[in-house]
Structures are given as C-alpha cells and as structure tokens.
Amino acid sequence: MDKINYNRIKAVLAENNVSSKELAKHLDKTESTVSRWCTNDVQPSIEVFHQIAKFLDVDVRELLVSTK
C-alpha cells in the first residue's frame, strides 16, 4: 500500500532553505520527530502546524497537501 502524504513540511523547508535541524531547534523538538513529520510517518498537531508556519513565514495551508 502506498504511503499517503498529508503534509508538505519537507518541501516547504526546502523552498525556504531551512533545514529540519533548524526547525527542530526552534520548536524544541528532536530531529527525529521533525524527520518523521517530513516523511509523513506521523503528523504534528494543529498547534505545531501553526508554529511551523509562523517560523517559516508561510500560510499554514501551504504545509498541507491539498485535497483538490
């Protein structure tokens, strides 16, 4: 079964030239946790999505895969 991508965190980090390590440090999370978000193994909470969006200065919707 194919893995479903729910978020675009990895892509948005790359678009903004920010490393997952930098994001992890800013959010006080482990690099492993951020890695799991980037590979869509687990999803951050809505609150964390907002923190990520604020850190990257993007609309939170840019972090999600569109359903349309």
PDB file of N, CA and C in Angstrom:
ATOM      1  N   MET A   1       0.842  -1.186   0.000  1.00  0.00           N
ATOM      2  CA  MET A   1       0.000   0.000   0.000  1.00  0.00           C
ATOM      3  C   MET A   1       0.883   1.244   0.000  1.00  0.00           C
ATOM      4  N   ASP A   2       0.547   2.205  -0.816  1.00  0.00           N
ATOM      5  CA  ASP A   2       1.321   3.439  -0.902  1.00  0.00           C
ATOM      6  C   ASP A   2       1.061   4.327   0.303  1.00  0.00           C
ATOM      7  N   LYS A   3       2.126   4.993   0.740  1.00  0.00           N
ATOM      8  CA  LYS A   3       2.003   5.930   1.852  1.00  0.00           C
ATOM      9  C   LYS A   3       1.340   7.208   1.340  1.00  0.00           C
ATOM     10  N   ILE A   4       0.387   7.713   2.097  1.00  0.00           N
ATOM     11  CA  ILE A   4      -0.303   8.954   1.740  1.00  0.00           C
ATOM     12  C   ILE A   4       0.446  10.126   2.353  1.00  0.00           C
ATOM     13  N   ASN A   5       0.694  11.134   1.542  1.00  0.00           N
ATOM     14  CA  ASN A   5       1.326  12.354   2.037  1.00  0.00           C
ATOM     15  C   ASN A   5       0.236  13.324   2.472  1.00  0.00           C
ATOM     16  N   TYR A   6       0.286  13.707   3.730  1.00  0.00           N
ATOM     17  CA  TYR A   6      -0.682  14.644   4.277  1.00  0.00           C
ATOM     18  C   TYR A   6      -0.100  16.048   4.400  1.00  0.00           C
ATOM     19  N   ASN A   7       1.223  16.123   4.566  1.00  0.00           N
ATOM     20  CA  ASN A   7       1.826  17.439   4.736  1.00  0.00           C
ATOM     21  C   ASN A   7       2.957  17.653   3.732  1.00  0.00           C
ATOM     22  N   ARG A   8       3.325  18.921   3.587  1.00  0.00           N
ATOM     23  CA  ARG A   8       4.391  19.348   2.676  1.00  0.00           C
ATOM     24  C   ARG A   8       5.537  19.986   3.449  1.00  0.00           C
ATOM     25  N   ILE A   9       5.710  19.608   4.693  1.00  0.00           N
ATOM     26  CA  ILE A   9       6.721  20.253   5.534  1.00  0.00           C
ATOM     27  C   ILE A   9       8.101  20.165   4.885  1.00  0.00           C
ATOM     28  N   LYS A  10       8.480  18.991   4.416  1.00  0.00           N
ATOM     29  CA  LYS A  10       9.801  18.814   3.807  1.00  0.00           C
ATOM     30  C   LYS A  10       9.977  19.736   2.603  1.00  0.00           C
ATOM     31  N   ALA A  11       8.964  19.820   1.748  1.00  0.00           N
ATOM     32  CA  ALA A  11       9.038  20.665   0.551  1.00  0.00           C
ATOM     33  C   ALA A  11       9.124  22.142   0.915  1.00  0.00           C
ATOM     34  N   VAL A  12       8.336  22.559   1.892  1.00  0.00           N
ATOM     35  CA  VAL A  12       8.334  23.976   2.276  1.00  0.00           C
ATOM     36  C   VAL A  12       9.654  24.348   2.955  1.00  0.00           C
ATOM     37  N   LEU A  13      10.216  23.433   3.726  1.00  0.00           N
ATOM     38  CA  LEU A  13      11.540  23.689   4.301  1.00  0.00           C
ATOM     39  C   LEU A  13      12.554  23.916   3.179  1.00  0.00           C
ATOM     40  N   ALA A  14      12.530  23.054   2.168  1.00  0.00           N
ATOM     41  CA  ALA A  14      13.470  23.181   1.044  1.00  0.00           C
ATOM     42  C   ALA A  14      13.246  24.486   0.284  1.00  0.00           C
ATOM     43  N   GLU A  15      11.981  24.838   0.047  1.00  0.00           N
ATOM     44  CA  GLU A  15      11.661  26.076  -0.667  1.00  0.00           C
ATOM     45  C   GLU A  15      12.176  27.307   0.071  1.00  0.00           C
ATOM     46  N   ASN A  16      12.256  27.205   1.400  1.00  0.00           N
ATOM     47  CA  ASN A  16      12.694  28.339   2.222  1.00  0.00           C
ATOM     48  C   ASN A  16      14.139  28.210   2.691  1.00  0.00           C
ATOM     49  N   ASN A  17      14.850  27.216   2.157  1.00  0.00           N
ATOM     50  CA  ASN A  17      16.251  26.989   2.516  1.00  0.00           C
ATOM     51  C   ASN A  17      16.462  26.898   4.025  1.00  0.00           C
ATOM     52  N   VAL A  18      15.581  26.148   4.676  1.00  0.00           N
ATOM     53  CA  VAL A  18      15.668  25.928   6.115  1.00  0.00           C
ATOM     54  C   VAL A  18      15.839  24.429   6.333  1.00  0.00           C
ATOM     55  N   SER A  19      16.729  24.057   7.207  1.00  0.00           N
ATOM     56  CA  SER A  19      16.949  22.633   7.468  1.00  0.00           C
ATOM     57  C   SER A  19      15.972  22.123   8.524  1.00  0.00           C
ATOM     58  N   SER A  20      15.753  20.832   8.496  1.00  0.00           N
ATOM     59  CA  SER A  20      14.890  20.223   9.516  1.00  0.00           C
ATOM     60  C   SER A  20      15.532  20.371  10.893  1.00  0.00           C
ATOM     61  N   LYS A  21      16.851  20.413  10.925  1.00  0.00           N
ATOM     62  CA  LYS A  21      17.569  20.613  12.192  1.00  0.00           C
ATOM     63  C   LYS A  21      17.245  21.985  12.782  1.00  0.00           C
ATOM     64  N   GLU A  22      17.211  23.009  11.936  1.00  0.00           N
ATOM     65  CA  GLU A  22      16.869  24.358  12.396  1.00  0.00           C
ATOM     66  C   GLU A  22      15.437  24.398  12.929  1.00  0.00           C
ATOM     67  N   LEU A  23      14.533  23.736  12.209  1.00  0.00           N
ATOM     68  CA  LEU A  23      13.138  23.696  12.651  1.00  0.00           C
ATOM     69  C   LEU A  23      13.031  22.985  13.993  1.00  0.00           C
ATOM     70  N   ALA A  24      13.709  21.867  14.128  1.00  0.00           N
ATOM     71  CA  ALA A  24      13.673  21.111  15.380  1.00  0.00           C
ATOM     72  C   ALA A  24      14.166  21.977  16.541  1.00  0.00           C
ATOM     73  N   LYS A  25      15.252  22.687  16.320  1.00  0.00           N
ATOM     74  CA  LYS A  25      15.810  23.540  17.374  1.00  0.00           C
ATOM     75  C   LYS A  25      14.825  24.642  17.752  1.00  0.00           C
ATOM     76  N   HIS A  26      14.216  25.275  16.741  1.00  0.00           N
ATOM     77  CA  HIS A  26      13.269  26.362  17.002  1.00  0.00           C
ATOM     78  C   HIS A  26      12.057  25.875  17.799  1.00  0.00           C
ATOM     79  N   LEU A  27      11.578  24.685  17.484  1.00  0.00           N
ATOM     80  CA  LEU A  27      10.387  24.151  18.144  1.00  0.00           C
ATOM     81  C   LEU A  27      10.701  23.379  19.413  1.00  0.00           C
ATOM     82  N   ASP A  28      11.989  23.244  19.732  1.00  0.00           N
ATOM     83  CA  ASP A  28      12.426  22.460  20.878  1.00  0.00           C
ATOM     84  C   ASP A  28      11.926  21.014  20.774  1.00  0.00           C
ATOM     85  N   LYS A  29      12.082  20.452  19.566  1.00  0.00           N
ATOM     86  CA  LYS A  29      11.726  19.058  19.280  1.00  0.00           C
ATOM     87  C   LYS A  29      12.993  18.332  18.862  1.00  0.00           C
ATOM     88  N   THR A  30      12.950  17.018  18.874  1.00  0.00           N
ATOM     89  CA  THR A  30      14.111  16.258  18.413  1.00  0.00           C
ATOM     90  C   THR A  30      14.150  16.261  16.892  1.00  0.00           C
ATOM     91  N   GLU A  31      15.342  16.073  16.351  1.00  0.00           N
ATOM     92  CA  GLU A  31      15.484  15.968  14.900  1.00  0.00           C
ATOM     93  C   GLU A  31      14.712  14.762  14.380  1.00  0.00           C
ATOM     94  N   SER A  32      14.651  13.727  15.181  1.00  0.00           N
ATOM     95  CA  SER A  32      13.912  12.519  14.807  1.00  0.00           C
ATOM     96  C   SER A  32      12.421  12.813  14.640  1.00  0.00           C
ATOM     97  N   THR A  33      11.871  13.602  15.528  1.00  0.00           N
ATOM     98  CA  THR A  33      10.453  13.966  15.428  1.00  0.00           C
ATOM     99  C   THR A  33      10.185  14.730  14.150  1.00  0.00           C
ATOM    100  N   VAL A  34      10.999  15.732  13.851  1.00  0.00           N
ATOM    101  CA  VAL A  34      10.814  16.523  12.638  1.00  0.00           C
ATOM    102  C   VAL A  34      11.007  15.646  11.403  1.00  0.00           C
ATOM    103  N   SER A  35      11.954  14.741  11.450  1.00  0.00           N
ATOM    104  CA  SER A  35      12.169  13.816  10.341  1.00  0.00           C
ATOM    105  C   SER A  35      10.921  12.980  10.074  1.00  0.00           C
ATOM    106  N   ARG A  36      10.280  12.525  11.124  1.00  0.00           N
ATOM    107  CA  ARG A  36       9.066  11.714  10.969  1.00  0.00           C
ATOM    108  C   ARG A  36       7.926  12.538  10.383  1.00  0.00           C
ATOM    109  N   TRP A  37       7.879  13.845  10.699  1.00  0.00           N
ATOM    110  CA  TRP A  37       6.884  14.707  10.072  1.00  0.00           C
ATOM    111  C   TRP A  37       7.183  14.862   8.589  1.00  0.00           C
ATOM    112  N   CYS A  38       8.468  15.053   8.273  1.00  0.00           N
ATOM    113  CA  CYS A  38       8.883  15.275   6.888  1.00  0.00           C
ATOM    114  C   CYS A  38       8.638  14.059   5.999  1.00  0.00           C
ATOM    115  N   THR A  39       8.668  12.878   6.582  1.00  0.00           N
ATOM    116  CA  THR A  39       8.417  11.661   5.810  1.00  0.00           C
ATOM    117  C   THR A  39       6.968  11.207   5.925  1.00  0.00           C
ATOM    118  N   ASN A  40       6.145  12.000   6.586  1.00  0.00           N
ATOM    119  CA  ASN A  40       4.722  11.707   6.756  1.00  0.00           C
ATOM    120  C   ASN A  40       4.463  10.417   7.525  1.00  0.00           C
ATOM    121  N   ASP A  41       5.417  10.008   8.353  1.00  0.00           N
ATOM    122  CA  ASP A  41       5.184   8.845   9.210  1.00  0.00           C
ATOM    123  C   ASP A  41       4.216   9.207  10.335  1.00  0.00           C
ATOM    124  N   VAL A  42       4.328  10.417  10.840  1.00  0.00           N
ATOM    125  CA  VAL A  42       3.411  10.958  11.845  1.00  0.00           C
ATOM    126  C   VAL A  42       3.129  12.407  11.469  1.00  0.00           C
ATOM    127  N   GLN A  43       2.072  12.953  12.056  1.00  0.00           N
ATOM    128  CA  GLN A  43       1.695  14.331  11.764  1.00  0.00           C
ATOM    129  C   GLN A  43       1.765  15.168  13.031  1.00  0.00           C
ATOM    130  N   PRO A  44       2.240  16.412  12.903  1.00  0.00           N
ATOM    131  CA  PRO A  44       2.236  17.290  14.071  1.00  0.00           C
ATOM    132  C   PRO A  44       0.807  17.722  14.395  1.00  0.00           C
ATOM    133  N   SER A  45       0.622  18.229  15.592  1.00  0.00           N
ATOM    134  CA  SER A  45      -0.694  18.746  15.987  1.00  0.00           C
ATOM    135  C   SER A  45      -0.983  20.036  15.217  1.00  0.00           C
ATOM    136  N   ILE A  46      -2.224  20.442  15.249  1.00  0.00           N
ATOM    137  CA  ILE A  46      -2.622  21.692  14.598  1.00  0.00           C
ATOM    138  C   ILE A  46      -1.825  22.862  15.173  1.00  0.00           C
ATOM    139  N   GLU A  47      -1.627  22.854  16.476  1.00  0.00           N
ATOM    140  CA  GLU A  47      -0.868  23.934  17.118  1.00  0.00           C
ATOM    141  C   GLU A  47       0.557  23.987  16.582  1.00  0.00           C
ATOM    142  N   VAL A  48       1.164  22.820  16.406  1.00  0.00           N
ATOM    143  CA  VAL A  48       2.534  22.772  15.891  1.00  0.00           C
ATOM    144  C   VAL A  48       2.575  23.201  14.430  1.00  0.00           C
ATOM    145  N   PHE A  49       1.555  22.818  13.644  1.00  0.00           N
ATOM    146  CA  PHE A  49       1.491  23.302  12.256  1.00  0.00           C
ATOM    147  C   PHE A  49       1.522  24.832  12.239  1.00  0.00           C
ATOM    148  N   HIS A  50       0.798  25.459  13.138  1.00  0.00           N
ATOM    149  CA  HIS A  50       0.779  26.923  13.198  1.00  0.00           C
ATOM    150  C   HIS A  50       2.151  27.474  13.594  1.00  0.00           C
ATOM    151  N   GLN A  51       2.825  26.821  14.519  1.00  0.00           N
ATOM    152  CA  GLN A  51       4.166  27.259  14.922  1.00  0.00           C
ATOM    153  C   GLN A  51       5.144  27.134  13.755  1.00  0.00           C
ATOM    154  N   ILE A  52       5.028  26.046  13.006  1.00  0.00           N
ATOM    155  CA  ILE A  52       5.901  25.838  11.839  1.00  0.00           C
ATOM    156  C   ILE A  52       5.646  26.926  10.809  1.00  0.00           C
ATOM    157  N   ALA A  53       4.374  27.192  10.528  1.00  0.00           N
ATOM    158  CA  ALA A  53       4.019  28.215   9.543  1.00  0.00           C
ATOM    159  C   ALA A  53       4.549  29.581   9.949  1.00  0.00           C
ATOM    160  N   LYS A  54       4.426  29.894  11.216  1.00  0.00           N
ATOM    161  CA  LYS A  54       4.920  31.183  11.702  1.00  0.00           C
ATOM    162  C   LYS A  54       6.437  31.268  11.549  1.00  0.00           C
ATOM    163  N   PHE A  55       7.144  30.200  11.918  1.00  0.00           N
ATOM    164  CA  PHE A  55       8.600  30.168  11.810  1.00  0.00           C
ATOM    165  C   PHE A  55       9.050  30.335  10.357  1.00  0.00           C
ATOM    166  N   LEU A  56       8.333  29.687   9.435  1.00  0.00           N
ATOM    167  CA  LEU A  56       8.704  29.744   8.014  1.00  0.00           C
ATOM    168  C   LEU A  56       8.088  30.939   7.288  1.00  0.00           C
ATOM    169  N   ASP A  57       7.253  31.698   7.982  1.00  0.00           N
ATOM    170  CA  ASP A  57       6.567  32.859   7.416  1.00  0.00           C
ATOM    171  C   ASP A  57       5.759  32.465   6.175  1.00  0.00           C
ATOM    172  N   VAL A  58       4.950  31.409   6.341  1.00  0.00           N
ATOM    173  CA  VAL A  58       4.065  30.951   5.263  1.00  0.00           C
ATOM    174  C   VAL A  58       2.667  30.770   5.836  1.00  0.00           C
ATOM    175  N   ASP A  59       1.692  30.708   4.951  1.00  0.00           N
ATOM    176  CA  ASP A  59       0.327  30.386   5.359  1.00  0.00           C
ATOM    177  C   ASP A  59       0.301  28.918   5.759  1.00  0.00           C
ATOM    178  N   VAL A  60      -0.370  28.594   6.839  1.00  0.00           N
ATOM    179  CA  VAL A  60      -0.409  27.218   7.324  1.00  0.00           C
ATOM    180  C   VAL A  60      -0.933  26.264   6.249  1.00  0.00           C
ATOM    181  N   ARG A  61      -1.762  26.746   5.342  1.00  0.00           N
ATOM    182  CA  ARG A  61      -2.304  25.895   4.276  1.00  0.00           C
ATOM    183  C   ARG A  61      -1.224  25.403   3.327  1.00  0.00           C
ATOM    184  N   GLU A  62      -0.131  26.132   3.243  1.00  0.00           N
ATOM    185  CA  GLU A  62       0.977  25.710   2.377  1.00  0.00           C
ATOM    186  C   GLU A  62       1.657  24.465   2.919  1.00  0.00           C
ATOM    187  N   LEU A  63       1.448  24.156   4.184  1.00  0.00           N
ATOM    188  CA  LEU A  63       2.084  22.994   4.794  1.00  0.00           C
ATOM    189  C   LEU A  63       1.275  21.716   4.592  1.00  0.00           C
ATOM    190  N   LEU A  64       0.074  21.852   4.065  1.00  0.00           N
ATOM    191  CA  LEU A  64      -0.800  20.701   3.883  1.00  0.00           C
ATOM    192  C   LEU A  64      -0.934  20.345   2.408  1.00  0.00           C
ATOM    193  N   VAL A  65      -1.128  19.068   2.129  1.00  0.00           N
ATOM    194  CA  VAL A  65      -1.382  18.606   0.769  1.00  0.00           C
ATOM    195  C   VAL A  65      -2.847  18.883   0.484  1.00  0.00           C
ATOM    196  N   SER A  66      -3.122  19.547  -0.628  1.00  0.00           N
ATOM    197  CA  SER A  66      -4.492  19.878  -0.993  1.00  0.00           C
ATOM    198  C   SER A  66      -5.306  18.623  -1.299  1.00  0.00           C
ATOM    199  N   THR A  67      -6.576  18.672  -0.962  1.00  0.00           N
ATOM    200  CA  THR A  67      -7.450  17.545  -1.259  1.00  0.00           C
ATOM    201  C   THR A  67      -8.124  17.694  -2.612  1.00  0.00           C
ATOM    202  N   LYS A  68      -7.874  18.791  -3.280  1.00  0.00           N
ATOM    203  CA  LYS A  68      -8.475  19.004  -4.598  1.00  0.00           C
ATOM    204  C   LYS A  68      -7.421  19.109  -5.649  1.00  0.00           C
TER     205      LYS A  68
END
